[in-house]
Amino acid sequence: MVDENKNPWKTVKSKVTYDNSWIKVTENKTINAAGGDGIYGVVHFKNIAIGIIPLDEDYNTWLIGQYRYPLQAYSWEICEGGGLHTEDVLDAAKRELHEELGIKAENWTNIMDVHLSNSVSDEKGIIYIAKGLSYHTPEPEEGEVLQIKKIPFNTVFQMVMDGQLTDSLTISGILKTKLLIDKGAI
């Protein structure tokens, strides 16, 4: 039986190959879990990924569209942003919801914590549902060109099921929210 609390990997040598304000990439010479020599690149994210699903009284939500440079493609997603590890995550979520959609919420529910690509990265995501909404002017960050759609939640759920939405925070959050709605938990 495998001891789940014991790390079978051994790090022989580590070298930072890239570092900026958002990520740090480290190349590690290793002895892998099977005992062989290996190499492992790890991307460390300096922010926590935050996803917010605002729901109005009629169970409408919002999707945000923007061009995602790493994909070289346009992407529709839930409201997303980042918070420093030293920052209160809920405060960061509130800021992102206001910046991107111009929405403030009275009620917040943390519905899940996720690891977004744990084979190469330590990026953690936290997803909230926001309710009790009030509407204000969005204040997107410089460099953000966003398109906003207000859509019935069940339509967004169907978009996930049809493969139209591919962002991992969006898919995870929408599926969990659907389960919570169907249980009458929100």
Protein backbone atom coordinates (compact mmCIF):
# COMPACT_ATOMS: atom_id res chain seq x y z
CA MET A 1 0.00 0.00 0.00
CA VAL A 2 1.23 3.52 -0.83
CA ASP A 3 1.76 5.96 2.04
CA GLU A 4 -0.20 8.99 0.81
CA ASN A 5 1.63 11.27 3.25
CA LYS A 6 5.13 10.41 1.98
CA ASN A 7 6.57 12.18 -1.06
CA PRO A 8 8.17 9.50 -3.28
CA TRP A 9 9.97 12.15 -5.38
CA LYS A 10 13.46 13.39 -4.49
CA THR A 11 14.68 16.80 -5.67
CA VAL A 12 18.37 16.71 -6.56
CA LYS A 13 18.73 20.27 -7.85
CA SER A 14 16.40 23.19 -8.56
CA LYS A 15 16.92 26.18 -10.82
CA VAL A 16 14.54 29.11 -11.40
CA THR A 17 14.35 29.53 -15.17
CA TYR A 18 11.78 32.34 -15.30
CA ASP A 19 10.30 34.77 -12.78
CA ASN A 20 7.91 37.71 -13.15
CA SER A 21 5.13 39.35 -11.13
CA TRP A 22 2.65 36.51 -11.81
CA ILE A 23 4.58 33.26 -12.14
CA LYS A 24 7.86 31.58 -11.35
CA VAL A 25 9.07 28.57 -13.35
CA THR A 26 11.46 26.16 -11.69
CA GLU A 27 13.30 23.31 -13.39
CA ASN A 28 13.97 20.44 -11.01
CA LYS A 29 16.37 17.56 -11.51
CA THR A 30 14.68 14.68 -9.73
CA ILE A 31 14.64 11.06 -8.81
CA ASN A 32 11.11 10.16 -9.79
CA ALA A 33 8.59 8.10 -7.86
CA ALA A 34 9.82 4.89 -9.55
CA GLY A 35 13.47 5.64 -8.63
CA GLY A 36 14.68 6.84 -12.03
CA ASP A 37 16.38 10.08 -12.97
CA GLY A 38 13.99 12.74 -14.14
CA ILE A 39 13.29 16.36 -14.78
CA TYR A 40 10.22 18.26 -13.66
CA GLY A 41 9.23 21.81 -14.50
CA VAL A 42 6.89 23.50 -12.02
CA VAL A 43 4.96 26.72 -12.58
CA HIS A 44 4.33 28.55 -9.30
CA PHE A 45 1.48 31.04 -9.41
CA LYS A 46 1.89 34.12 -7.23
CA ASN A 47 -1.88 34.71 -7.10
CA ILE A 48 -4.87 32.60 -6.18
CA ALA A 49 -7.32 32.22 -9.06
CA ILE A 50 -10.79 33.41 -8.10
CA GLY A 51 -14.04 32.65 -9.88
CA ILE A 52 -17.37 34.28 -9.09
CA ILE A 53 -20.82 33.19 -10.24
CA PRO A 54 -23.27 36.03 -9.55
CA LEU A 55 -26.89 34.88 -9.46
CA ASP A 56 -29.77 37.33 -9.53
CA GLU A 57 -33.24 36.62 -8.10
CA ASP A 58 -34.30 34.99 -11.40
CA TYR A 59 -31.17 32.79 -11.56
CA ASN A 60 -29.53 34.73 -14.36
CA THR A 61 -25.76 34.96 -14.34
CA TRP A 62 -23.09 36.73 -16.39
CA LEU A 63 -20.37 35.51 -18.71
CA ILE A 64 -17.35 37.57 -19.62
CA GLY A 65 -15.72 37.24 -23.01
CA GLN A 66 -12.13 38.11 -23.72
CA TYR A 67 -9.25 37.07 -25.92
CA ARG A 68 -6.91 34.73 -24.02
CA TYR A 69 -3.37 35.15 -25.28
CA PRO A 70 -2.04 31.69 -24.23
CA LEU A 71 -4.85 30.00 -26.17
CA GLN A 72 -4.72 32.44 -29.08
CA ALA A 73 -8.52 32.30 -28.91
CA TYR A 74 -11.56 34.09 -27.54
CA SER A 75 -13.00 32.63 -24.34
CA TRP A 76 -16.31 33.02 -22.49
CA GLU A 77 -15.96 32.56 -18.74
CA ILE A 78 -17.45 33.31 -15.36
CA CYS A 79 -16.09 36.41 -13.63
CA GLU A 80 -12.46 35.62 -12.81
CA GLY A 81 -9.44 37.31 -11.36
CA GLY A 82 -6.57 36.85 -8.99
CA GLY A 83 -5.75 37.62 -5.41
CA LEU A 84 -2.38 37.73 -3.75
CA HIS A 85 -1.69 34.92 -1.28
CA THR A 86 -1.36 37.62 1.40
CA GLU A 87 -4.77 39.15 0.54
CA ASP A 88 -8.14 38.05 1.94
CA VAL A 89 -9.60 35.95 -0.87
CA LEU A 90 -13.17 37.14 -0.33
CA ASP A 91 -12.04 40.77 -0.53
CA ALA A 92 -10.29 39.96 -3.82
CA ALA A 93 -13.45 38.26 -5.13
CA LYS A 94 -15.55 41.30 -4.23
CA ARG A 95 -13.06 43.56 -6.03
CA GLU A 96 -13.08 41.40 -9.17
CA LEU A 97 -16.89 41.24 -9.34
CA HIS A 98 -17.09 45.01 -9.09
CA GLU A 99 -14.22 45.67 -11.52
CA GLU A 100 -15.39 43.33 -14.27
CA LEU A 101 -19.18 43.45 -13.99
CA GLY A 102 -19.93 46.50 -11.83
CA ILE A 103 -21.76 44.23 -9.39
CA LYS A 104 -21.68 44.21 -5.61
CA ALA A 105 -23.18 41.33 -3.62
CA GLU A 106 -24.53 41.02 -0.09
CA ASN A 107 -24.25 37.23 0.17
CA TRP A 108 -21.19 35.17 -0.67
CA THR A 109 -20.80 31.38 -0.59
CA ASN A 110 -17.48 29.62 -1.16
CA ILE A 111 -18.54 26.57 -3.15
CA MET A 112 -15.19 24.97 -3.92
CA ASP A 113 -11.41 25.05 -3.91
CA VAL A 114 -9.69 23.51 -6.95
CA HIS A 115 -6.18 22.85 -8.27
CA LEU A 116 -6.25 23.96 -11.89
CA SER A 117 -3.43 21.98 -13.49
CA ASN A 118 -1.68 20.00 -10.77
CA SER A 119 0.60 18.06 -13.10
CA VAL A 120 2.67 21.17 -13.87
CA SER A 121 1.46 23.93 -11.57
CA ASP A 122 0.55 24.74 -7.98
CA GLU A 123 -2.23 27.11 -9.08
CA LYS A 124 -5.16 27.07 -6.69
CA GLY A 125 -8.61 28.38 -7.49
CA ILE A 126 -11.47 29.35 -5.23
CA ILE A 127 -15.01 29.71 -6.57
CA TYR A 128 -17.84 31.71 -5.02
CA ILE A 129 -21.52 32.21 -5.66
CA ALA A 130 -22.60 35.82 -5.12
CA LYS A 131 -26.25 36.77 -4.43
CA GLY A 132 -28.15 39.85 -3.24
CA LEU A 133 -26.78 41.86 -6.14
CA SER A 134 -26.65 45.59 -6.76
CA TYR A 135 -25.48 47.13 -10.02
CA HIS A 136 -22.83 49.80 -10.53
CA THR A 137 -20.37 50.89 -13.22
CA PRO A 138 -17.68 48.30 -14.11
CA GLU A 139 -14.06 49.41 -13.65
CA PRO A 140 -11.96 46.94 -15.68
CA GLU A 141 -8.21 46.94 -15.26
CA GLU A 142 -6.09 48.70 -17.86
CA GLY A 143 -5.52 46.34 -20.75
CA GLU A 144 -8.77 44.42 -20.25
CA VAL A 145 -11.20 44.52 -23.15
CA LEU A 146 -14.24 42.62 -21.92
CA GLN A 147 -17.58 41.69 -23.43
CA ILE A 148 -20.39 40.94 -20.98
CA LYS A 149 -23.51 38.78 -21.41
CA LYS A 150 -26.33 38.32 -18.88
CA ILE A 151 -27.67 34.79 -19.43
CA PRO A 152 -30.09 32.44 -17.65
CA PHE A 153 -28.08 30.05 -15.48
CA ASN A 154 -29.56 26.95 -17.13
CA THR A 155 -28.40 28.24 -20.52
CA VAL A 156 -24.85 28.60 -19.18
CA PHE A 157 -25.08 25.08 -17.73
CA GLN A 158 -26.11 23.77 -21.17
CA MET A 159 -23.19 25.65 -22.75
CA VAL A 160 -20.84 23.75 -20.39
CA MET A 161 -22.51 20.44 -21.25
CA ASP A 162 -22.30 21.19 -24.99
CA GLY A 163 -18.57 21.98 -24.74
CA GLN A 164 -19.00 25.65 -25.66
CA LEU A 165 -17.23 26.78 -22.47
CA THR A 166 -13.78 25.29 -21.84
CA ASP A 167 -12.30 27.32 -18.98
CA SER A 168 -11.66 25.06 -15.96
CA LEU A 169 -12.90 27.50 -13.29
CA THR A 170 -16.04 28.09 -15.32
CA ILE A 171 -16.79 24.41 -15.86
CA SER A 172 -16.10 23.45 -12.23
CA GLY A 173 -18.09 26.34 -10.82
CA ILE A 174 -21.09 25.95 -13.11
CA LEU A 175 -21.36 22.19 -12.51
CA LYS A 176 -21.13 22.61 -8.73
CA THR A 177 -23.64 25.48 -8.80
CA LYS A 178 -26.08 23.34 -10.82
CA LEU A 179 -25.86 20.60 -8.20
CA LEU A 180 -26.48 23.11 -5.41
CA ILE A 181 -29.45 24.64 -7.23
CA ASP A 182 -30.97 21.23 -7.92
CA LYS A 183 -30.60 20.31 -4.21
CA GLY A 184 -32.28 23.59 -3.23
CA ALA A 185 -29.12 24.60 -1.34
CA ILE A 186 -28.93 28.03 -2.99
